[in-house]
Amino acid sequence: MIMGASIVSIAWIAFWPWSQLKRLREIEGRASPSPDSDPTRRP
């Protein structure tokens, strides 16, 4: 039982930052326009 809890906690520590990063990128993507639609960008 302790071994299972250890594995779950390690998996949680590995999984949680990635899920937060994915959500953060999604929020940033919705908040800022894409680089192609930026009128101040020079070709």
C-alpha atoms as a PDB file:
ATOM      1  CA  MET A   1       0.000   0.000   0.000  1.00  0.00           C
ATOM      2  CA  ILE A   2       2.829   2.403   0.825  1.00  0.00           C
ATOM      3  CA  MET A   3       4.539   1.504  -2.450  1.00  0.00           C
ATOM      4  CA  GLY A   4       1.358   2.298  -4.382  1.00  0.00           C
ATOM      5  CA  ALA A   5       1.038   5.647  -2.623  1.00  0.00           C
ATOM      6  CA  SER A   6       4.650   6.440  -3.512  1.00  0.00           C
ATOM      7  CA  ILE A   7       4.069   5.654  -7.173  1.00  0.00           C
ATOM      8  CA  VAL A   8       0.900   7.728  -7.258  1.00  0.00           C
ATOM      9  CA  SER A   9       2.588  10.702  -5.593  1.00  0.00           C
ATOM     10  CA  ILE A  10       5.523  10.580  -8.028  1.00  0.00           C
ATOM     11  CA  ALA A  11       3.119  10.338 -10.965  1.00  0.00           C
ATOM     12  CA  TRP A  12       1.139  13.306  -9.582  1.00  0.00           C
ATOM     13  CA  ILE A  13       4.298  15.414  -9.186  1.00  0.00           C
ATOM     14  CA  ALA A  14       5.235  14.608 -12.794  1.00  0.00           C
ATOM     15  CA  PHE A  15       1.730  15.105 -14.222  1.00  0.00           C
ATOM     16  CA  TRP A  16       0.547  18.262 -12.439  1.00  0.00           C
ATOM     17  CA  PRO A  17       3.092  20.779 -13.867  1.00  0.00           C
ATOM     18  CA  TRP A  18       2.477  19.524 -17.426  1.00  0.00           C
ATOM     19  CA  SER A  19      -1.282  19.887 -17.104  1.00  0.00           C
ATOM     20  CA  GLN A  20      -0.886  23.396 -15.684  1.00  0.00           C
ATOM     21  CA  LEU A  21       1.523  24.347 -18.465  1.00  0.00           C
ATOM     22  CA  LYS A  22      -0.896  23.092 -21.108  1.00  0.00           C
ATOM     23  CA  ARG A  23      -3.730  25.084 -19.537  1.00  0.00           C
ATOM     24  CA  LEU A  24      -1.548  28.197 -19.288  1.00  0.00           C
ATOM     25  CA  ARG A  25      -0.596  27.965 -22.982  1.00  0.00           C
ATOM     26  CA  GLU A  26      -4.261  27.588 -23.891  1.00  0.00           C
ATOM     27  CA  ILE A  27      -5.196  30.676 -21.863  1.00  0.00           C
ATOM     28  CA  GLU A  28      -2.327  32.694 -23.364  1.00  0.00           C
ATOM     29  CA  GLY A  29      -3.324  31.566 -26.850  1.00  0.00           C
ATOM     30  CA  ARG A  30      -6.842  32.865 -26.349  1.00  0.00           C
ATOM     31  CA  ALA A  31      -5.666  36.117 -24.735  1.00  0.00           C
ATOM     32  CA  SER A  32      -3.115  37.155 -27.345  1.00  0.00           C
ATOM     33  CA  PRO A  33      -3.642  37.213 -31.103  1.00  0.00           C
ATOM     34  CA  SER A  34      -1.588  34.985 -33.329  1.00  0.00           C
ATOM     35  CA  PRO A  35       1.707  36.425 -34.657  1.00  0.00           C
ATOM     36  CA  ASP A  36       0.323  36.390 -38.219  1.00  0.00           C
ATOM     37  CA  SER A  37      -2.404  38.864 -37.321  1.00  0.00           C
ATOM     38  CA  ASP A  38      -0.028  41.361 -35.656  1.00  0.00           C
ATOM     39  CA  PRO A  39      -0.141  44.560 -37.750  1.00  0.00           C
ATOM     40  CA  THR A  40       3.089  45.922 -36.222  1.00  0.00           C
ATOM     41  CA  ARG A  41       5.155  42.919 -37.281  1.00  0.00           C
ATOM     42  CA  ARG A  42       7.414  43.479 -40.243  1.00  0.00           C
ATOM     43  CA  PRO A  43       7.885  40.779 -42.901  1.00  0.00           C
END
